[in-house]
PDB file of N, CA and C in Angstrom:
ATOM      1  N   MET A   1     109.798  47.566 112.226  1.00  0.00           N
ATOM      2  CA  MET A   1     109.700  48.120 113.559  1.00  0.00           C
ATOM      3  C   MET A   1     108.252  48.127 114.061  1.00  0.00           C
ATOM      4  N   VAL A   2     107.286  48.324 113.207  1.00  0.00           N
ATOM      5  CA  VAL A   2     105.900  48.470 113.618  1.00  0.00           C
ATOM      6  C   VAL A   2     105.404  47.232 114.354  1.00  0.00           C
ATOM      7  N   GLY A   3     104.862  47.456 115.551  1.00  0.00           N
ATOM      8  CA  GLY A   3     104.264  46.375 116.310  1.00  0.00           C
ATOM      9  C   GLY A   3     105.208  45.551 117.152  1.00  0.00           C
ATOM     10  N   LYS A   4     106.486  45.863 117.140  1.00  0.00           N
ATOM     11  CA  LYS A   4     107.439  45.084 117.921  1.00  0.00           C
ATOM     12  C   LYS A   4     107.590  45.697 119.306  1.00  0.00           C
ATOM     13  N   ILE A   5     107.527  44.834 120.334  1.00  0.00           N
ATOM     14  CA  ILE A   5     107.591  45.279 121.728  1.00  0.00           C
ATOM     15  C   ILE A   5     108.777  44.624 122.413  1.00  0.00           C
ATOM     16  N   ALA A   6     109.476  45.420 123.232  1.00  0.00           N
ATOM     17  CA  ALA A   6     110.617  44.912 123.993  1.00  0.00           C
ATOM     18  C   ALA A   6     110.522  45.403 125.433  1.00  0.00           C
ATOM     19  N   ILE A   7     111.192  44.700 126.326  1.00  0.00           N
ATOM     20  CA  ILE A   7     111.312  45.150 127.710  1.00  0.00           C
ATOM     21  C   ILE A   7     112.785  45.101 128.105  1.00  0.00           C
ATOM     22  N   VAL A   8     113.185  46.108 128.888  1.00  0.00           N
ATOM     23  CA  VAL A   8     114.546  46.199 129.405  1.00  0.00           C
ATOM     24  C   VAL A   8     114.432  46.293 130.919  1.00  0.00           C
ATOM     25  N   GLY A   9     115.133  45.392 131.617  1.00  0.00           N
ATOM     26  CA  GLY A   9     115.088  45.406 133.076  1.00  0.00           C
ATOM     27  C   GLY A   9     115.909  44.283 133.658  1.00  0.00           C
ATOM     28  N   ASP A  10     115.822  44.134 134.967  1.00  0.00           N
ATOM     29  CA  ASP A  10     116.564  43.057 135.612  1.00  0.00           C
ATOM     30  C   ASP A  10     115.975  41.712 135.212  1.00  0.00           C
ATOM     31  N   GLY A  11     116.790  40.680 135.251  1.00  0.00           N
ATOM     32  CA  GLY A  11     116.417  39.362 134.747  1.00  0.00           C
ATOM     33  C   GLY A  11     115.128  38.796 135.296  1.00  0.00           C
ATOM     34  N   ASP A  12     114.910  38.913 136.599  1.00  0.00           N
ATOM     35  CA  ASP A  12     113.702  38.356 137.199  1.00  0.00           C
ATOM     36  C   ASP A  12     112.453  39.100 136.751  1.00  0.00           C
ATOM     37  N   SER A  13     112.540  40.409 136.630  1.00  0.00           N
ATOM     38  CA  SER A  13     111.373  41.226 136.293  1.00  0.00           C
ATOM     39  C   SER A  13     110.906  41.039 134.860  1.00  0.00           C
ATOM     40  N   ILE A  14     111.807  40.692 133.967  1.00  0.00           N
ATOM     41  CA  ILE A  14     111.428  40.608 132.558  1.00  0.00           C
ATOM     42  C   ILE A  14     110.981  39.224 132.120  1.00  0.00           C
ATOM     43  N   MET A  15     111.157  38.224 132.969  1.00  0.00           N
ATOM     44  CA  MET A  15     110.825  36.845 132.581  1.00  0.00           C
ATOM     45  C   MET A  15     109.355  36.661 132.249  1.00  0.00           C
ATOM     46  N   VAL A  16     108.456  37.281 132.991  1.00  0.00           N
ATOM     47  CA  VAL A  16     107.028  37.116 132.725  1.00  0.00           C
ATOM     48  C   VAL A  16     106.674  37.714 131.358  1.00  0.00           C
ATOM     49  N   PHE A  17     107.323  38.796 130.981  1.00  0.00           N
ATOM     50  CA  PHE A  17     107.083  39.397 129.675  1.00  0.00           C
ATOM     51  C   PHE A  17     107.618  38.495 128.563  1.00  0.00           C
ATOM     52  N   LYS A  18     108.763  37.902 128.814  1.00  0.00           N
ATOM     53  CA  LYS A  18     109.356  36.988 127.830  1.00  0.00           C
ATOM     54  C   LYS A  18     108.419  35.807 127.581  1.00  0.00           C
ATOM     55  N   ALA A  19     107.807  35.307 128.649  1.00  0.00           N
ATOM     56  CA  ALA A  19     106.861  34.199 128.523  1.00  0.00           C
ATOM     57  C   ALA A  19     105.643  34.592 127.693  1.00  0.00           C
ATOM     58  N   ALA A  20     105.333  35.894 127.676  1.00  0.00           N
ATOM     59  CA  ALA A  20     104.183  36.383 126.914  1.00  0.00           C
ATOM     60  C   ALA A  20     104.552  36.765 125.481  1.00  0.00           C
ATOM     61  N   GLY A  21     105.799  36.524 125.105  1.00  0.00           N
ATOM     62  CA  GLY A  21     106.211  36.788 123.736  1.00  0.00           C
ATOM     63  C   GLY A  21     106.861  38.130 123.491  1.00  0.00           C
ATOM     64  N   VAL A  22     107.108  38.891 124.554  1.00  0.00           N
ATOM     65  CA  VAL A  22     107.784  40.184 124.422  1.00  0.00           C
ATOM     66  C   VAL A  22     109.287  39.936 124.401  1.00  0.00           C
ATOM     67  N   ALA A  23     109.996  40.613 123.515  1.00  0.00           N
ATOM     68  CA  ALA A  23     111.455  40.480 123.464  1.00  0.00           C
ATOM     69  C   ALA A  23     112.048  41.061 124.738  1.00  0.00           C
ATOM     70  N   ALA A  24     112.813  40.271 125.456  1.00  0.00           N
ATOM     71  CA  ALA A  24     113.344  40.669 126.760  1.00  0.00           C
ATOM     72  C   ALA A  24     114.850  40.892 126.688  1.00  0.00           C
ATOM     73  N   PHE A  25     115.290  42.024 127.220  1.00  0.00           N
ATOM     74  CA  PHE A  25     116.704  42.376 127.224  1.00  0.00           C
ATOM     75  C   PHE A  25     117.129  42.689 128.654  1.00  0.00           C
ATOM     76  N   PRO A  26     117.924  41.818 129.251  1.00  0.00           N
ATOM     77  CA  PRO A  26     118.349  42.048 130.629  1.00  0.00           C
ATOM     78  C   PRO A  26     119.365  43.187 130.727  1.00  0.00           C
ATOM     79  N   ALA A  27     119.204  43.994 131.765  1.00  0.00           N
ATOM     80  CA  ALA A  27     120.148  45.074 132.069  1.00  0.00           C
ATOM     81  C   ALA A  27     120.098  45.280 133.578  1.00  0.00           C
ATOM     82  N   GLU A  28     121.178  44.957 134.240  1.00  0.00           N
ATOM     83  CA  GLU A  28     121.215  45.019 135.704  1.00  0.00           C
ATOM     84  C   GLU A  28     121.592  46.390 136.250  1.00  0.00           C
ATOM     85  N   ASP A  29     122.152  47.262 135.394  1.00  0.00           N
ATOM     86  CA  ASP A  29     122.536  48.584 135.881  1.00  0.00           C
ATOM     87  C   ASP A  29     122.302  49.632 134.796  1.00  0.00           C
ATOM     88  N   GLU A  30     122.496  50.889 135.173  1.00  0.00           N
ATOM     89  CA  GLU A  30     122.215  52.011 134.288  1.00  0.00           C
ATOM     90  C   GLU A  30     123.074  51.985 133.018  1.00  0.00           C
ATOM     91  N   LYS A  31     124.344  51.693 133.149  1.00  0.00           N
ATOM     92  CA  LYS A  31     125.241  51.681 131.986  1.00  0.00           C
ATOM     93  C   LYS A  31     124.817  50.632 130.957  1.00  0.00           C
ATOM     94  N   LYS A  32     124.548  49.430 131.424  1.00  0.00           N
ATOM     95  CA  LYS A  32     124.112  48.354 130.533  1.00  0.00           C
ATOM     96  C   LYS A  32     122.776  48.722 129.876  1.00  0.00           C
ATOM     97  N   ALA A  33     121.869  49.314 130.661  1.00  0.00           N
ATOM     98  CA  ALA A  33     120.555  49.699 130.140  1.00  0.00           C
ATOM     99  C   ALA A  33     120.682  50.734 129.027  1.00  0.00           C
ATOM    100  N   ARG A  34     121.587  51.694 129.176  1.00  0.00           N
ATOM    101  CA  ARG A  34     121.809  52.695 128.120  1.00  0.00           C
ATOM    102  C   ARG A  34     122.246  52.022 126.815  1.00  0.00           C
ATOM    103  N   ASP A  35     123.199  51.108 126.940  1.00  0.00           N
ATOM    104  CA  ASP A  35     123.697  50.408 125.757  1.00  0.00           C
ATOM    105  C   ASP A  35     122.596  49.596 125.085  1.00  0.00           C
ATOM    106  N   VAL A  36     121.839  48.875 125.887  1.00  0.00           N
ATOM    107  CA  VAL A  36     120.745  48.057 125.358  1.00  0.00           C
ATOM    108  C   VAL A  36     119.684  48.932 124.702  1.00  0.00           C
ATOM    109  N   LEU A  37     119.307  50.029 125.342  1.00  0.00           N
ATOM    110  CA  LEU A  37     118.274  50.909 124.789  1.00  0.00           C
ATOM    111  C   LEU A  37     118.691  51.527 123.465  1.00  0.00           C
ATOM    112  N   ARG A  38     119.942  51.888 123.328  1.00  0.00           N
ATOM    113  CA  ARG A  38     120.417  52.445 122.049  1.00  0.00           C
ATOM    114  C   ARG A  38     120.203  51.449 120.909  1.00  0.00           C
ATOM    115  N   LYS A  39     120.468  50.183 121.175  1.00  0.00           N
ATOM    116  CA  LYS A  39     120.309  49.146 120.146  1.00  0.00           C
ATOM    117  C   LYS A  39     118.837  48.816 119.908  1.00  0.00           C
ATOM    118  N   VAL A  40     118.104  48.644 120.981  1.00  0.00           N
ATOM    119  CA  VAL A  40     116.694  48.235 120.896  1.00  0.00           C
ATOM    120  C   VAL A  40     115.839  49.319 120.246  1.00  0.00           C
ATOM    121  N   ALA A  41     116.172  50.587 120.479  1.00  0.00           N
ATOM    122  CA  ALA A  41     115.375  51.700 119.954  1.00  0.00           C
ATOM    123  C   ALA A  41     115.346  51.728 118.437  1.00  0.00           C
ATOM    124  N   GLN A  42     116.305  51.120 117.790  1.00  0.00           N
ATOM    125  CA  GLN A  42     116.347  51.112 116.334  1.00  0.00           C
ATOM    126  C   GLN A  42     115.425  50.067 115.718  1.00  0.00           C
ATOM    127  N   GLU A  43     114.997  49.105 116.527  1.00  0.00           N
ATOM    128  CA  GLU A  43     114.238  47.981 115.981  1.00  0.00           C
ATOM    129  C   GLU A  43     112.817  47.837 116.534  1.00  0.00           C
ATOM    130  N   TYR A  44     112.551  48.359 117.731  1.00  0.00           N
ATOM    131  CA  TYR A  44     111.264  48.139 118.394  1.00  0.00           C
ATOM    132  C   TYR A  44     110.455  49.432 118.476  1.00  0.00           C
ATOM    133  N   SER A  45     109.129  49.315 118.327  1.00  0.00           N
ATOM    134  CA  SER A  45     108.275  50.503 118.370  1.00  0.00           C
ATOM    135  C   SER A  45     107.779  50.822 119.767  1.00  0.00           C
ATOM    136  N   VAL A  46     107.730  49.833 120.656  1.00  0.00           N
ATOM    137  CA  VAL A  46     107.348  50.044 122.054  1.00  0.00           C
ATOM    138  C   VAL A  46     108.414  49.386 122.923  1.00  0.00           C
ATOM    139  N   ILE A  47     108.945  50.165 123.867  1.00  0.00           N
ATOM    140  CA  ILE A  47     109.960  49.647 124.775  1.00  0.00           C
ATOM    141  C   ILE A  47     109.491  49.887 126.207  1.00  0.00           C
ATOM    142  N   LEU A  48     109.399  48.820 126.961  1.00  0.00           N
ATOM    143  CA  LEU A  48     109.049  48.898 128.377  1.00  0.00           C
ATOM    144  C   LEU A  48     110.349  48.889 129.178  1.00  0.00           C
ATOM    145  N   VAL A  49     110.430  49.746 130.190  1.00  0.00           N
ATOM    146  CA  VAL A  49     111.618  49.826 131.036  1.00  0.00           C
ATOM    147  C   VAL A  49     111.152  49.744 132.483  1.00  0.00           C
ATOM    148  N   THR A  50     111.811  48.915 133.292  1.00  0.00           N
ATOM    149  CA  THR A  50     111.407  48.788 134.698  1.00  0.00           C
ATOM    150  C   THR A  50     111.653  50.091 135.442  1.00  0.00           C
ATOM    151  N   GLU A  51     110.868  50.319 136.484  1.00  0.00           N
ATOM    152  CA  GLU A  51     110.902  51.581 137.222  1.00  0.00           C
ATOM    153  C   GLU A  51     112.285  51.940 137.749  1.00  0.00           C
ATOM    154  N   GLU A  52     113.005  50.978 138.284  1.00  0.00           N
ATOM    155  CA  GLU A  52     114.318  51.270 138.848  1.00  0.00           C
ATOM    156  C   GLU A  52     115.262  51.825 137.785  1.00  0.00           C
ATOM    157  N   LEU A  53     115.276  51.194 136.616  1.00  0.00           N
ATOM    158  CA  LEU A  53     116.135  51.680 135.536  1.00  0.00           C
ATOM    159  C   LEU A  53     115.616  52.990 134.962  1.00  0.00           C
ATOM    160  N   SER A  54     114.316  53.106 134.830  1.00  0.00           N
ATOM    161  CA  SER A  54     113.723  54.312 134.277  1.00  0.00           C
ATOM    162  C   SER A  54     114.068  55.532 135.128  1.00  0.00           C
ATOM    163  N   ARG A  55     114.002  55.384 136.426  1.00  0.00           N
ATOM    164  CA  ARG A  55     114.340  56.492 137.331  1.00  0.00           C
ATOM    165  C   ARG A  55     115.804  56.893 137.148  1.00  0.00           C
ATOM    166  N   ALA A  56     116.686  55.914 137.063  1.00  0.00           N
ATOM    167  CA  ALA A  56     118.117  56.189 136.901  1.00  0.00           C
ATOM    168  C   ALA A  56     118.435  56.795 135.533  1.00  0.00           C
ATOM    169  N   LEU A  57     117.618  56.486 134.533  1.00  0.00           N
ATOM    170  CA  LEU A  57     117.867  56.933 133.158  1.00  0.00           C
ATOM    171  C   LEU A  57     116.988  58.110 132.746  1.00  0.00           C
ATOM    172  N   GLY A  58     116.431  58.820 133.699  1.00  0.00           N
ATOM    173  CA  GLY A  58     115.466  59.886 133.412  1.00  0.00           C
ATOM    174  C   GLY A  58     115.874  60.824 132.289  1.00  0.00           C
ATOM    175  N   ASP A  59     117.053  61.426 132.383  1.00  0.00           N
ATOM    176  CA  ASP A  59     117.508  62.370 131.359  1.00  0.00           C
ATOM    177  C   ASP A  59     117.734  61.676 130.017  1.00  0.00           C
ATOM    178  N   PHE A  60     118.289  60.494 130.048  1.00  0.00           N
ATOM    179  CA  PHE A  60     118.548  59.733 128.826  1.00  0.00           C
ATOM    180  C   PHE A  60     117.238  59.390 128.110  1.00  0.00           C
ATOM    181  N   LEU A  61     116.210  59.012 128.861  1.00  0.00           N
ATOM    182  CA  LEU A  61     114.932  58.614 128.263  1.00  0.00           C
ATOM    183  C   LEU A  61     114.164  59.786 127.670  1.00  0.00           C
ATOM    184  N   GLN A  62     114.468  61.007 128.110  1.00  0.00           N
ATOM    185  CA  GLN A  62     113.757  62.175 127.583  1.00  0.00           C
ATOM    186  C   GLN A  62     113.964  62.348 126.085  1.00  0.00           C
ATOM    187  N   ARG A  63     115.095  61.869 125.556  1.00  0.00           N
ATOM    188  CA  ARG A  63     115.351  62.008 124.115  1.00  0.00           C
ATOM    189  C   ARG A  63     114.304  61.260 123.289  1.00  0.00           C
ATOM    190  N   PHE A  64     113.692  60.235 123.864  1.00  0.00           N
ATOM    191  CA  PHE A  64     112.683  59.475 123.129  1.00  0.00           C
ATOM    192  C   PHE A  64     111.342  60.194 123.083  1.00  0.00           C
ATOM    193  N   ASP A  65     111.163  61.212 123.908  1.00  0.00           N
ATOM    194  CA  ASP A  65     109.914  61.980 123.915  1.00  0.00           C
ATOM    195  C   ASP A  65     109.743  62.814 122.654  1.00  0.00           C
ATOM    196  N   GLU A  66     110.830  63.095 121.966  1.00  0.00           N
ATOM    197  CA  GLU A  66     110.791  63.973 120.800  1.00  0.00           C
ATOM    198  C   GLU A  66     110.326  63.280 119.520  1.00  0.00           C
ATOM    199  N   ALA A  67     110.452  61.971 119.461  1.00  0.00           N
ATOM    200  CA  ALA A  67     110.103  61.236 118.238  1.00  0.00           C
ATOM    201  C   ALA A  67     108.852  60.387 118.477  1.00  0.00           C
ATOM    202  N   PRO A  68     108.103  60.091 117.418  1.00  0.00           N
ATOM    203  CA  PRO A  68     106.906  59.265 117.593  1.00  0.00           C
ATOM    204  C   PRO A  68     107.228  57.823 117.989  1.00  0.00           C
ATOM    205  N   TYR A  69     108.374  57.310 117.525  1.00  0.00           N
ATOM    206  CA  TYR A  69     108.780  55.945 117.867  1.00  0.00           C
ATOM    207  C   TYR A  69     110.245  55.938 118.230  1.00  0.00           C
ATOM    208  N   PRO A  70     110.643  55.136 119.136  1.00  0.00           N
ATOM    209  CA  PRO A  70     109.835  54.198 119.916  1.00  0.00           C
ATOM    210  C   PRO A  70     109.129  54.900 121.071  1.00  0.00           C
ATOM    211  N   VAL A  71     108.029  54.315 121.487  1.00  0.00           N
ATOM    212  CA  VAL A  71     107.329  54.765 122.681  1.00  0.00           C
ATOM    213  C   VAL A  71     107.971  54.038 123.854  1.00  0.00           C
ATOM    214  N   VAL A  72     108.443  54.787 124.835  1.00  0.00           N
ATOM    215  CA  VAL A  72     109.103  54.198 126.000  1.00  0.00           C
ATOM    216  C   VAL A  72     108.183  54.375 127.205  1.00  0.00           C
ATOM    217  N   LEU A  73     107.816  53.260 127.825  1.00  0.00           N
ATOM    218  CA  LEU A  73     106.915  53.261 128.974  1.00  0.00           C
ATOM    219  C   LEU A  73     107.601  52.638 130.179  1.00  0.00           C
ATOM    220  N   THR A  74     107.288  53.156 131.344  1.00  0.00           N
ATOM    221  CA  THR A  74     107.841  52.632 132.588  1.00  0.00           C
ATOM    222  C   THR A  74     106.851  51.656 133.205  1.00  0.00           C
ATOM    223  N   VAL A  75     107.351  50.485 133.600  1.00  0.00           N
ATOM    224  CA  VAL A  75     106.517  49.456 134.230  1.00  0.00           C
ATOM    225  C   VAL A  75     107.141  49.036 135.560  1.00  0.00           C
ATOM    226  N   PRO A  76     106.340  48.553 136.489  1.00  0.00           N
ATOM    227  CA  PRO A  76     106.892  48.067 137.762  1.00  0.00           C
ATOM    228  C   PRO A  76     107.814  46.867 137.536  1.00  0.00           C
ATOM    229  N   SER A  77     108.758  46.718 138.423  1.00  0.00           N
ATOM    230  CA  SER A  77     109.646  45.556 138.361  1.00  0.00           C
ATOM    231  C   SER A  77     109.028  44.429 139.174  1.00  0.00           C
ATOM    232  N   GLY A  78     109.740  43.333 139.292  1.00  0.00           N
ATOM    233  CA  GLY A  78     109.280  42.205 140.094  1.00  0.00           C
ATOM    234  C   GLY A  78     109.177  42.546 141.573  1.00  0.00           C
ATOM    235  N   LYS A  79     109.812  43.632 141.980  1.00  0.00           N
ATOM    236  CA  LYS A  79     109.771  44.066 143.383  1.00  0.00           C
ATOM    237  C   LYS A  79     108.508  44.854 143.707  1.00  0.00           C
ATOM    238  N   GLY A  80     107.745  45.191 142.684  1.00  0.00           N
ATOM    239  CA  GLY A  80     106.518  45.954 142.882  1.00  0.00           C
ATOM    240  C   GLY A  80     106.687  47.389 142.418  1.00  0.00           C
ATOM    241  N   SER A  81     105.610  48.130 142.453  1.00  0.00           N
ATOM    242  CA  SER A  81     105.610  49.506 141.967  1.00  0.00           C
ATOM    243  C   SER A  81     106.120  50.477 143.020  1.00  0.00           C
ATOM    244  N   THR A  82     106.888  51.452 142.557  1.00  0.00           N
ATOM    245  CA  THR A  82     107.326  52.545 143.429  1.00  0.00           C
ATOM    246  C   THR A  82     106.472  53.781 143.178  1.00  0.00           C
ATOM    247  N   GLY A  83     105.614  53.728 142.185  1.00  0.00           N
ATOM    248  CA  GLY A  83     104.793  54.874 141.815  1.00  0.00           C
ATOM    249  C   GLY A  83     105.430  55.748 140.738  1.00  0.00           C
ATOM    250  N   TYR A  84     106.673  55.457 140.388  1.00  0.00           N
ATOM    251  CA  TYR A  84     107.383  56.266 139.399  1.00  0.00           C
ATOM    252  C   TYR A  84     106.728  56.157 138.018  1.00  0.00           C
ATOM    253  N   GLY A  85     106.293  54.985 137.640  1.00  0.00           N
ATOM    254  CA  GLY A  85     105.631  54.803 136.348  1.00  0.00           C
ATOM    255  C   GLY A  85     104.352  55.615 136.249  1.00  0.00           C
ATOM    256  N   ASP A  86     103.556  55.618 137.308  1.00  0.00           N
ATOM    257  CA  ASP A  86     102.332  56.420 137.338  1.00  0.00           C
ATOM    258  C   ASP A  86     102.661  57.904 137.199  1.00  0.00           C
ATOM    259  N   GLU A  87     103.705  58.329 137.887  1.00  0.00           N
ATOM    260  CA  GLU A  87     104.138  59.724 137.847  1.00  0.00           C
ATOM    261  C   GLU A  87     104.546  60.126 136.426  1.00  0.00           C
ATOM    262  N   MET A  88     105.283  59.265 135.744  1.00  0.00           N
ATOM    263  CA  MET A  88     105.724  59.551 134.382  1.00  0.00           C
ATOM    264  C   MET A  88     104.552  59.584 133.401  1.00  0.00           C
ATOM    265  N   LEU A  89     103.606  58.657 133.565  1.00  0.00           N
ATOM    266  CA  LEU A  89     102.427  58.627 132.700  1.00  0.00           C
ATOM    267  C   LEU A  89     101.585  59.883 132.896  1.00  0.00           C
ATOM    268  N   ARG A  90     101.385  60.278 134.137  1.00  0.00           N
ATOM    269  CA  ARG A  90     100.615  61.490 134.428  1.00  0.00           C
ATOM    270  C   ARG A  90     101.284  62.710 133.800  1.00  0.00           C
ATOM    271  N   SER A  91     102.587  62.802 133.943  1.00  0.00           N
ATOM    272  CA  SER A  91     103.339  63.926 133.389  1.00  0.00           C
ATOM    273  C   SER A  91     103.223  63.977 131.865  1.00  0.00           C
ATOM    274  N   ALA A  92     103.342  62.826 131.210  1.00  0.00           N
ATOM    275  CA  ALA A  92     103.242  62.773 129.754  1.00  0.00           C
ATOM    276  C   ALA A  92     101.843  63.171 129.287  1.00  0.00           C
ATOM    277  N   MET A  93     100.832  62.719 129.989  1.00  0.00           N
ATOM    278  CA  MET A  93      99.454  63.063 129.619  1.00  0.00           C
ATOM    279  C   MET A  93      99.205  64.557 129.802  1.00  0.00           C
ATOM    280  N   GLU A  94      99.724  65.139 130.852  1.00  0.00           N
ATOM    281  CA  GLU A  94      99.555  66.574 131.065  1.00  0.00           C
ATOM    282  C   GLU A  94     100.242  67.375 129.970  1.00  0.00           C
ATOM    283  N   ARG A  95     101.445  66.939 129.561  1.00  0.00           N
ATOM    284  CA  ARG A  95     102.154  67.640 128.482  1.00  0.00           C
ATOM    285  C   ARG A  95     101.371  67.536 127.176  1.00  0.00           C
ATOM    286  N   ALA A  96     100.807  66.378 126.910  1.00  0.00           N
ATOM    287  CA  ALA A  96     100.100  66.157 125.645  1.00  0.00           C
ATOM    288  C   ALA A  96      98.738  66.842 125.604  1.00  0.00           C
ATOM    289  N   LEU A  97      98.016  66.778 126.712  1.00  0.00           N
ATOM    290  CA  LEU A  97      96.632  67.265 126.718  1.00  0.00           C
ATOM    291  C   LEU A  97      96.426  68.584 127.446  1.00  0.00           C
ATOM    292  N   GLY A  98      97.373  68.932 128.305  1.00  0.00           N
ATOM    293  CA  GLY A  98      97.240  70.164 129.074  1.00  0.00           C
ATOM    294  C   GLY A  98      96.465  70.006 130.367  1.00  0.00           C
ATOM    295  N   VAL A  99      95.921  68.819 130.632  1.00  0.00           N
ATOM    296  CA  VAL A  99      95.176  68.550 131.864  1.00  0.00           C
ATOM    297  C   VAL A  99      95.496  67.144 132.365  1.00  0.00           C
ATOM    298  N   ASP A 100      95.255  66.918 133.630  1.00  0.00           N
ATOM    299  CA  ASP A 100      95.484  65.615 134.243  1.00  0.00           C
ATOM    300  C   ASP A 100      94.179  64.823 134.206  1.00  0.00           C
ATOM    301  N   ILE A 101      93.996  64.004 133.160  1.00  0.00           N
ATOM    302  CA  ILE A 101      92.755  63.243 133.027  1.00  0.00           C
ATOM    303  C   ILE A 101      92.829  61.882 133.712  1.00  0.00           C
ATOM    304  N   LEU A 102      94.019  61.455 134.087  1.00  0.00           N
ATOM    305  CA  LEU A 102      94.178  60.115 134.663  1.00  0.00           C
ATOM    306  C   LEU A 102      93.971  60.075 136.163  1.00  0.00           C
ATOM    307  N   PHE A 103      94.580  61.016 136.857  1.00  0.00           N
ATOM    308  CA  PHE A 103      94.597  60.914 138.317  1.00  0.00           C
ATOM    309  C   PHE A 103      93.823  62.022 139.001  1.00  0.00           C
ATOM    310  N   GLN A 104      93.631  63.129 138.342  1.00  0.00           N
ATOM    311  CA  GLN A 104      92.841  64.256 138.833  1.00  0.00           C
ATOM    312  C   GLN A 104      93.145  64.598 140.282  1.00  0.00           C
ATOM    313  N   LYS A 105      94.416  64.846 140.556  1.00  0.00           N
ATOM    314  CA  LYS A 105      94.814  65.239 141.912  1.00  0.00           C
ATOM    315  C   LYS A 105      95.068  66.710 141.968  1.00  0.00           C
TER     316      LYS A 105
END
């Protein structure tokens, strides 16, 4: 598991990651993404999830916050950023450190 990276998202958004050697798992909707994440979480230490799916899977993804691996990160899709990934990163940093060191708003 150590050092393995995967991405879960719509087909167009994950192609650039696949070209860079990241294991790509297409999931066009929330149900498919849940199934894929359950399988991928057992094998990969870092999992990237596109913003659209991450927003829809908010409660489901919280279970990964309790364990050191896998680390689940939200990334923009091919449609561009909605700001949700930044929001999640800021929230995680505040929980871990107690202060907002990234955005200082």
